[in-house]
């Protein structure tokens, strides 16, 4: 599985070799089981503004900045961007509804996977479109000694969120590695497209309600059904590099 995926990646990107040195992680839906709360919070906030937004829409838009998500929904509904006041109020509502849910728990086997990767000596980076400070703060609570501020790219660091390649290009520049030395772990179609367009080998983990094709069609070299499944075949992947 992985050998074929790596061969196809090298052929597409015209890279001479794949030599893993760093792993870039998305956060929501990869490290935290938080999309089950983000999605209904988005739906409720949008409905407050008479925007017909579904759970599937929320999952398909995962990874975008809040402003981009709102503008996209407004253009489909009203044929215009939202005003700054509307954006601020909708995101305020979305945050309020999100925080009414229980605290998001880590994805099963996320900690075990991170520990294994760190033990193997690979550098670990966070690349997220989230501005949800409660989740960002929880990184240290649930994954101590894994993530450091200098190896994080969040919504506060970019002008264009996913699906633009900017977040992953910034992480790549910060890491100092070449594209063929990095693997990305993503669950969102737009995040996968962002990483793929940045030239990075991307493993999709389908932890939500989306179809397999939603991930593969956006550039995932491999699609797995869970973080647990990635943990269980991680050694196979490393041997294939």
Foldseek 3Di string as FASTA:
>chain_A
DLLVLQVVLCVVLVPPAFAAAAEEEEPDLAFWVQLVLLQVLLCVLCVVVVQRAHSVNSQQCAFFAQQVSQQVSCCVPPVGRDDPVSSVSSVVSSLVSSVVDPDIDTFPCSQVLLVVCVVVNHQYAYQGADPNVVRVVCCCVVRNPRDDPLRYHYVVNDPGIFPALVSVLVNCVSVVDDQSHYEYEEAHLRVQLSNVVSSHAYEHAPSDDDDPCSNVVSPHSYYHPGVVVCSVCVVVNNVSD
